[in-house]
C-alpha atoms as a PDB file:
ATOM      1  CA  MET A   1      -9.858  16.323 -41.467  1.00  0.00           C
ATOM      2  CA  GLU A   2     -10.758  15.398 -37.885  1.00  0.00           C
ATOM      3  CA  ILE A   3     -12.262  11.943 -37.434  1.00  0.00           C
ATOM      4  CA  ASN A   4     -15.243  11.760 -35.066  1.00  0.00           C
ATOM      5  CA  ASN A   5     -16.576   8.319 -35.966  1.00  0.00           C
ATOM      6  CA  TYR A   6     -15.618   5.132 -37.765  1.00  0.00           C
ATOM      7  CA  LYS A   7     -17.104   1.885 -39.068  1.00  0.00           C
ATOM      8  CA  THR A   8     -16.324  -1.535 -37.667  1.00  0.00           C
ATOM      9  CA  ILE A   9     -17.791  -5.039 -37.409  1.00  0.00           C
ATOM     10  CA  VAL A  10     -19.459  -6.406 -34.278  1.00  0.00           C
ATOM     11  CA  ARG A  11     -18.551 -10.085 -34.095  1.00  0.00           C
ATOM     12  CA  GLU A  12     -16.593 -12.969 -35.624  1.00  0.00           C
ATOM     13  CA  SER A  13     -17.811 -14.163 -39.022  1.00  0.00           C
ATOM     14  CA  GLU A  14     -16.664 -16.450 -41.831  1.00  0.00           C
ATOM     15  CA  GLY A  15     -16.458 -16.257 -45.592  1.00  0.00           C
ATOM     16  CA  TYR A  16     -15.684 -18.966 -48.114  1.00  0.00           C
ATOM     17  CA  TYR A  17     -14.355 -19.272 -51.670  1.00  0.00           C
ATOM     18  CA  LYS A  18     -13.391 -22.364 -53.663  1.00  0.00           C
ATOM     19  CA  GLU A  19     -11.429 -22.522 -56.905  1.00  0.00           C
ATOM     20  CA  LYS A  20      -9.814 -25.530 -58.665  1.00  0.00           C
ATOM     21  CA  GLY A  21      -9.749 -27.559 -55.462  1.00  0.00           C
ATOM     22  CA  SER A  22      -8.219 -24.768 -53.375  1.00  0.00           C
ATOM     23  CA  LYS A  23     -10.319 -23.650 -50.412  1.00  0.00           C
ATOM     24  CA  PHE A  24     -10.140 -20.150 -48.962  1.00  0.00           C
ATOM     25  CA  ILE A  25     -11.712 -19.649 -45.535  1.00  0.00           C
ATOM     26  CA  ALA A  26     -11.879 -16.023 -44.356  1.00  0.00           C
ATOM     27  CA  ILE A  27     -12.452 -15.206 -40.688  1.00  0.00           C
ATOM     28  CA  ALA A  28     -13.298 -11.621 -39.679  1.00  0.00           C
ATOM     29  CA  PHE A  29     -12.696 -10.291 -36.155  1.00  0.00           C
ATOM     30  CA  HIS A  30     -13.447  -7.069 -34.307  1.00  0.00           C
ATOM     31  CA  VAL A  31     -10.122  -6.021 -32.726  1.00  0.00           C
ATOM     32  CA  GLU A  32      -9.000  -3.003 -30.717  1.00  0.00           C
ATOM     33  CA  THR A  33      -5.292  -3.651 -30.063  1.00  0.00           C
ATOM     34  CA  GLU A  34      -2.205  -5.477 -31.362  1.00  0.00           C
ATOM     35  CA  ASP A  35      -2.727  -7.985 -28.526  1.00  0.00           C
ATOM     36  CA  ASP A  36      -6.219  -8.787 -29.878  1.00  0.00           C
ATOM     37  CA  ILE A  37      -4.692  -9.333 -33.323  1.00  0.00           C
ATOM     38  CA  ASN A  38      -1.893 -11.590 -32.064  1.00  0.00           C
ATOM     39  CA  GLU A  39      -4.351 -13.659 -30.028  1.00  0.00           C
ATOM     40  CA  ALA A  40      -6.727 -14.126 -32.972  1.00  0.00           C
ATOM     41  CA  ARG A  41      -3.865 -15.073 -35.305  1.00  0.00           C
ATOM     42  CA  ALA A  42      -2.495 -17.617 -32.806  1.00  0.00           C
ATOM     43  CA  ASN A  43      -5.955 -19.185 -32.391  1.00  0.00           C
ATOM     44  CA  ILE A  44      -6.475 -19.480 -36.152  1.00  0.00           C
ATOM     45  CA  LYS A  45      -3.004 -20.995 -36.656  1.00  0.00           C
ATOM     46  CA  THR A  46      -3.872 -23.617 -34.034  1.00  0.00           C
ATOM     47  CA  LYS A  47      -7.345 -24.298 -35.423  1.00  0.00           C
ATOM     48  CA  TYR A  48      -6.203 -24.507 -39.076  1.00  0.00           C
ATOM     49  CA  PHE A  49      -2.719 -25.904 -38.362  1.00  0.00           C
ATOM     50  CA  ASP A  50      -2.778 -28.020 -41.541  1.00  0.00           C
ATOM     51  CA  ALA A  51      -3.465 -25.107 -43.927  1.00  0.00           C
ATOM     52  CA  ARG A  52      -0.671 -23.984 -46.228  1.00  0.00           C
ATOM     53  CA  HIS A  53      -1.191 -20.220 -45.828  1.00  0.00           C
ATOM     54  CA  HIS A  54      -2.622 -17.942 -43.116  1.00  0.00           C
ATOM     55  CA  CYS A  55      -2.766 -14.546 -44.849  1.00  0.00           C
ATOM     56  CA  TYR A  56      -4.210 -11.487 -43.140  1.00  0.00           C
ATOM     57  CA  ALA A  57      -4.772  -7.743 -43.045  1.00  0.00           C
ATOM     58  CA  TYR A  58      -5.976  -5.366 -40.369  1.00  0.00           C
ATOM     59  CA  ARG A  59      -6.719  -1.725 -39.643  1.00  0.00           C
ATOM     60  CA  ILE A  60      -6.881  -0.424 -36.065  1.00  0.00           C
ATOM     61  CA  ASN A  61      -6.961   2.911 -34.214  1.00  0.00           C
ATOM     62  CA  PRO A  62      -9.192   5.208 -36.332  1.00  0.00           C
ATOM     63  CA  GLU A  63      -7.607   8.443 -35.020  1.00  0.00           C
ATOM     64  CA  ASN A  64      -4.039   7.359 -35.705  1.00  0.00           C
ATOM     65  CA  GLU A  65      -4.448   4.471 -38.104  1.00  0.00           C
ATOM     66  CA  GLN A  66      -2.202   1.436 -38.071  1.00  0.00           C
ATOM     67  CA  SER A  67      -2.620  -1.100 -40.846  1.00  0.00           C
ATOM     68  CA  ARG A  68      -0.715  -4.147 -42.011  1.00  0.00           C
ATOM     69  CA  SER A  69      -1.078  -7.033 -44.411  1.00  0.00           C
ATOM     70  CA  SER A  70       0.753 -10.316 -44.954  1.00  0.00           C
ATOM     71  CA  ASP A  71       0.933 -12.695 -47.935  1.00  0.00           C
ATOM     72  CA  ASP A  72       2.326 -15.498 -45.729  1.00  0.00           C
ATOM     73  CA  GLY A  73       4.229 -17.215 -48.536  1.00  0.00           C
ATOM     74  CA  GLU A  74       1.817 -16.440 -51.389  1.00  0.00           C
ATOM     75  CA  PRO A  75       3.285 -14.432 -54.326  1.00  0.00           C
ATOM     76  CA  SER A  76       3.813 -10.798 -53.300  1.00  0.00           C
ATOM     77  CA  GLY A  77       0.651  -8.674 -53.410  1.00  0.00           C
ATOM     78  CA  THR A  78      -1.739 -11.565 -54.156  1.00  0.00           C
ATOM     79  CA  ALA A  79      -3.186 -12.121 -50.652  1.00  0.00           C
ATOM     80  CA  GLY A  80      -2.580  -9.461 -47.983  1.00  0.00           C
ATOM     81  CA  LYS A  81      -3.243  -6.527 -50.294  1.00  0.00           C
ATOM     82  CA  PRO A  82      -6.602  -7.785 -51.671  1.00  0.00           C
ATOM     83  CA  ILE A  83      -7.706  -8.453 -48.060  1.00  0.00           C
ATOM     84  CA  LEU A  84      -6.641  -4.937 -46.984  1.00  0.00           C
ATOM     85  CA  ASN A  85      -8.323  -3.399 -50.041  1.00  0.00           C
ATOM     86  CA  GLN A  86     -11.644  -4.917 -48.948  1.00  0.00           C
ATOM     87  CA  LEU A  87     -11.229  -3.343 -45.484  1.00  0.00           C
ATOM     88  CA  LEU A  88     -10.600  -0.019 -47.228  1.00  0.00           C
ATOM     89  CA  SER A  89     -13.510  -0.383 -49.636  1.00  0.00           C
ATOM     90  CA  PHE A  90     -15.937  -1.162 -46.778  1.00  0.00           C
ATOM     91  CA  GLU A  91     -14.212   1.645 -44.757  1.00  0.00           C
ATOM     92  CA  LEU A  92     -13.646  -0.698 -41.789  1.00  0.00           C
ATOM     93  CA  THR A  93     -11.355   0.027 -38.839  1.00  0.00           C
ATOM     94  CA  ASN A  94     -10.648  -2.068 -35.732  1.00  0.00           C
ATOM     95  CA  THR A  95     -11.073  -5.079 -37.985  1.00  0.00           C
ATOM     96  CA  LEU A  96      -8.830  -8.069 -38.712  1.00  0.00           C
ATOM     97  CA  ILE A  97      -9.401 -10.579 -41.519  1.00  0.00           C
ATOM     98  CA  ILE A  98      -7.418 -13.800 -41.747  1.00  0.00           C
ATOM     99  CA  VAL A  99      -7.795 -15.949 -44.858  1.00  0.00           C
ATOM    100  CA  VAL A 100      -6.706 -19.564 -44.526  1.00  0.00           C
ATOM    101  CA  ARG A 101      -5.869 -21.407 -47.747  1.00  0.00           C
ATOM    102  CA  TYR A 102      -5.902 -25.134 -48.372  1.00  0.00           C
ATOM    103  CA  PHE A 103      -4.019 -25.791 -51.632  1.00  0.00           C
ATOM    104  CA  GLY A 104      -5.911 -27.928 -54.108  1.00  0.00           C
ATOM    105  CA  GLY A 105      -3.004 -28.965 -56.320  1.00  0.00           C
ATOM    106  CA  THR A 106      -3.615 -26.537 -59.196  1.00  0.00           C
ATOM    107  CA  LYS A 107      -1.929 -23.125 -59.307  1.00  0.00           C
ATOM    108  CA  LEU A 108      -4.387 -20.260 -59.715  1.00  0.00           C
ATOM    109  CA  GLY A 109      -1.992 -17.612 -61.056  1.00  0.00           C
ATOM    110  CA  VAL A 110      -1.714 -14.035 -59.803  1.00  0.00           C
ATOM    111  CA  SER A 111      -5.152 -12.816 -60.908  1.00  0.00           C
ATOM    112  CA  GLY A 112      -6.806 -16.033 -59.676  1.00  0.00           C
ATOM    113  CA  LEU A 113      -5.260 -15.619 -56.216  1.00  0.00           C
ATOM    114  CA  ILE A 114      -6.215 -11.939 -55.975  1.00  0.00           C
ATOM    115  CA  LEU A 115      -9.826 -12.798 -56.875  1.00  0.00           C
ATOM    116  CA  ALA A 116      -9.927 -15.685 -54.381  1.00  0.00           C
ATOM    117  CA  TYR A 117      -8.596 -13.669 -51.412  1.00  0.00           C
ATOM    118  CA  LYS A 118     -10.797 -10.706 -52.302  1.00  0.00           C
ATOM    119  CA  SER A 119     -13.951 -12.862 -52.659  1.00  0.00           C
ATOM    120  CA  ALA A 120     -13.448 -14.815 -49.416  1.00  0.00           C
ATOM    121  CA  THR A 121     -12.813 -11.562 -47.524  1.00  0.00           C
ATOM    122  CA  ARG A 122     -15.887  -9.848 -48.987  1.00  0.00           C
ATOM    123  CA  ASP A 123     -18.001 -12.874 -48.044  1.00  0.00           C
ATOM    124  CA  ALA A 124     -16.790 -12.741 -44.407  1.00  0.00           C
ATOM    125  CA  ILE A 125     -17.562  -8.996 -44.194  1.00  0.00           C
ATOM    126  CA  GLU A 126     -21.003  -9.409 -45.758  1.00  0.00           C
ATOM    127  CA  ASN A 127     -21.781 -12.167 -43.228  1.00  0.00           C
ATOM    128  CA  ASN A 128     -21.129  -9.704 -40.408  1.00  0.00           C
ATOM    129  CA  LYS A 129     -22.836  -6.535 -39.225  1.00  0.00           C
ATOM    130  CA  ILE A 130     -21.191  -3.177 -39.887  1.00  0.00           C
ATOM    131  CA  VAL A 131     -21.795  -0.477 -37.273  1.00  0.00           C
ATOM    132  CA  LYS A 132     -20.818   3.164 -36.947  1.00  0.00           C
ATOM    133  CA  LYS A 133     -19.043   4.007 -33.692  1.00  0.00           C
ATOM    134  CA  PHE A 134     -18.145   7.379 -32.255  1.00  0.00           C
ATOM    135  CA  ILE A 135     -14.707   8.217 -30.931  1.00  0.00           C
ATOM    136  CA  THR A 136     -15.157   8.981 -27.242  1.00  0.00           C
ATOM    137  CA  SER A 137     -13.157   9.881 -24.174  1.00  0.00           C
ATOM    138  CA  GLU A 138     -13.778   9.490 -20.471  1.00  0.00           C
ATOM    139  CA  VAL A 139     -14.199  12.564 -18.272  1.00  0.00           C
ATOM    140  CA  GLU A 140     -14.403  12.676 -14.465  1.00  0.00           C
ATOM    141  CA  LEU A 141     -16.636  15.191 -12.697  1.00  0.00           C
ATOM    142  CA  ARG A 142     -16.229  15.978  -8.987  1.00  0.00           C
ATOM    143  CA  PHE A 143     -18.626  18.231  -7.082  1.00  0.00           C
ATOM    144  CA  GLU A 144     -20.440  18.830  -3.786  1.00  0.00           C
ATOM    145  CA  TYR A 145     -23.798  17.168  -3.253  1.00  0.00           C
ATOM    146  CA  PRO A 146     -25.940  20.367  -3.599  1.00  0.00           C
ATOM    147  CA  LEU A 147     -24.830  20.630  -7.278  1.00  0.00           C
ATOM    148  CA  MET A 148     -26.204  17.162  -8.101  1.00  0.00           C
ATOM    149  CA  ASN A 149     -29.402  18.387  -9.849  1.00  0.00           C
ATOM    150  CA  LEU A 150     -27.543  20.845 -12.087  1.00  0.00           C
ATOM    151  CA  VAL A 151     -24.973  18.215 -13.121  1.00  0.00           C
ATOM    152  CA  MET A 152     -27.614  15.524 -13.716  1.00  0.00           C
ATOM    153  CA  LYS A 153     -29.680  17.944 -15.832  1.00  0.00           C
ATOM    154  CA  VAL A 154     -26.749  18.401 -18.279  1.00  0.00           C
ATOM    155  CA  ILE A 155     -26.167  14.620 -18.342  1.00  0.00           C
ATOM    156  CA  LYS A 156     -29.860  13.985 -19.082  1.00  0.00           C
ATOM    157  CA  ASP A 157     -30.278  16.799 -21.642  1.00  0.00           C
ATOM    158  CA  GLU A 158     -27.180  15.739 -23.569  1.00  0.00           C
ATOM    159  CA  LYS A 159     -27.968  11.981 -23.267  1.00  0.00           C
ATOM    160  CA  ILE A 160     -24.491  11.332 -21.807  1.00  0.00           C
ATOM    161  CA  ARG A 161     -23.499   7.801 -20.849  1.00  0.00           C
ATOM    162  CA  ILE A 162     -22.421   7.381 -17.215  1.00  0.00           C
ATOM    163  CA  ILE A 163     -19.525   4.928 -16.861  1.00  0.00           C
ATOM    164  CA  ASP A 164     -19.205   5.018 -13.089  1.00  0.00           C
ATOM    165  CA  GLN A 165     -20.512   7.025 -10.137  1.00  0.00           C
ATOM    166  CA  ASP A 166     -19.692   7.375  -6.461  1.00  0.00           C
ATOM    167  CA  PHE A 167     -21.718   9.542  -4.069  1.00  0.00           C
ATOM    168  CA  ASP A 168     -19.838   8.778  -0.871  1.00  0.00           C
ATOM    169  CA  THR A 169     -18.586  12.000   0.725  1.00  0.00           C
ATOM    170  CA  ASN A 170     -18.158  14.113  -2.368  1.00  0.00           C
ATOM    171  CA  CYS A 171     -19.844  13.235  -5.648  1.00  0.00           C
ATOM    172  CA  LYS A 172     -17.823  11.697  -8.465  1.00  0.00           C
ATOM    173  CA  ILE A 173     -19.230  10.732 -11.854  1.00  0.00           C
ATOM    174  CA  ASN A 174     -17.264   9.320 -14.801  1.00  0.00           C
ATOM    175  CA  ILE A 175     -18.931   9.998 -18.141  1.00  0.00           C
ATOM    176  CA  GLU A 176     -18.248   9.140 -21.767  1.00  0.00           C
ATOM    177  CA  LEU A 177     -18.221  12.053 -24.208  1.00  0.00           C
ATOM    178  CA  LYS A 178     -18.296  11.881 -27.996  1.00  0.00           C
ATOM    179  CA  LYS A 179     -15.270  13.646 -29.453  1.00  0.00           C
ATOM    180  CA  ASN A 180     -17.335  15.970 -31.659  1.00  0.00           C
ATOM    181  CA  LYS A 181     -19.387  17.227 -28.665  1.00  0.00           C
ATOM    182  CA  LYS A 182     -16.724  17.192 -25.951  1.00  0.00           C
ATOM    183  CA  LYS A 183     -15.866  20.934 -25.964  1.00  0.00           C
ATOM    184  CA  ILE A 184     -19.505  22.068 -25.908  1.00  0.00           C
ATOM    185  CA  ILE A 185     -20.453  19.726 -23.059  1.00  0.00           C
ATOM    186  CA  ILE A 186     -17.370  20.484 -20.931  1.00  0.00           C
ATOM    187  CA  ASN A 187     -18.225  24.153 -21.378  1.00  0.00           C
ATOM    188  CA  LYS A 188     -21.699  23.476 -19.897  1.00  0.00           C
ATOM    189  CA  PHE A 189     -20.180  21.750 -16.855  1.00  0.00           C
ATOM    190  CA  GLU A 190     -17.644  24.575 -16.416  1.00  0.00           C
ATOM    191  CA  LYS A 191     -20.525  27.045 -16.111  1.00  0.00           C
ATOM    192  CA  ILE A 192     -21.647  25.208 -12.959  1.00  0.00           C
ATOM    193  CA  ARG A 193     -19.440  26.767 -10.275  1.00  0.00           C
ATOM    194  CA  GLY A 194     -17.833  24.116  -8.065  1.00  0.00           C
ATOM    195  CA  VAL A 195     -17.578  21.282 -10.592  1.00  0.00           C
ATOM    196  CA  SER A 196     -14.022  20.057 -11.224  1.00  0.00           C
ATOM    197  CA  ILE A 197     -13.375  18.265 -14.514  1.00  0.00           C
ATOM    198  CA  THR A 198     -10.511  15.876 -15.321  1.00  0.00           C
END
């Protein structure tokens, strides 16, 4: 099935869970690339340098999904997976959640850890705002000045977002097209003789 849109979060947010003296602080980030993820992880490691564990999970690139999770020293499957499962259950992409744990001296056991990481993650997500975004691509239109009205009419009728425009000698407009409407709209521009599309 072709993906035309996806859900993500809009900002950084925190979640919290406490059990038997152990504190779990979840931080949620909107991320687009591996670089964003690495930067966020480095910042959290610096900020919470004295925490015993920095567990995380992420999902990026809705069209060609990449996902990963890490238990960072917790028993296998007790941290990274519950974090990732929350991302899946909220259907979030381009999202990273890091859960920092301060050990309280009492072991929580496998089920206790899973519940703690899941609860802190859910809290961080619920303290954020989930939005639906469309997958888009950028298209460049080039044309002679007399065609301006015809081109602008399509842009206005289809409520297309203009990224950049330059009307120096020839006209050049960069527009953003939603994936699910791209073919139809390009077809409309192709019907205007003299418009080149890249």
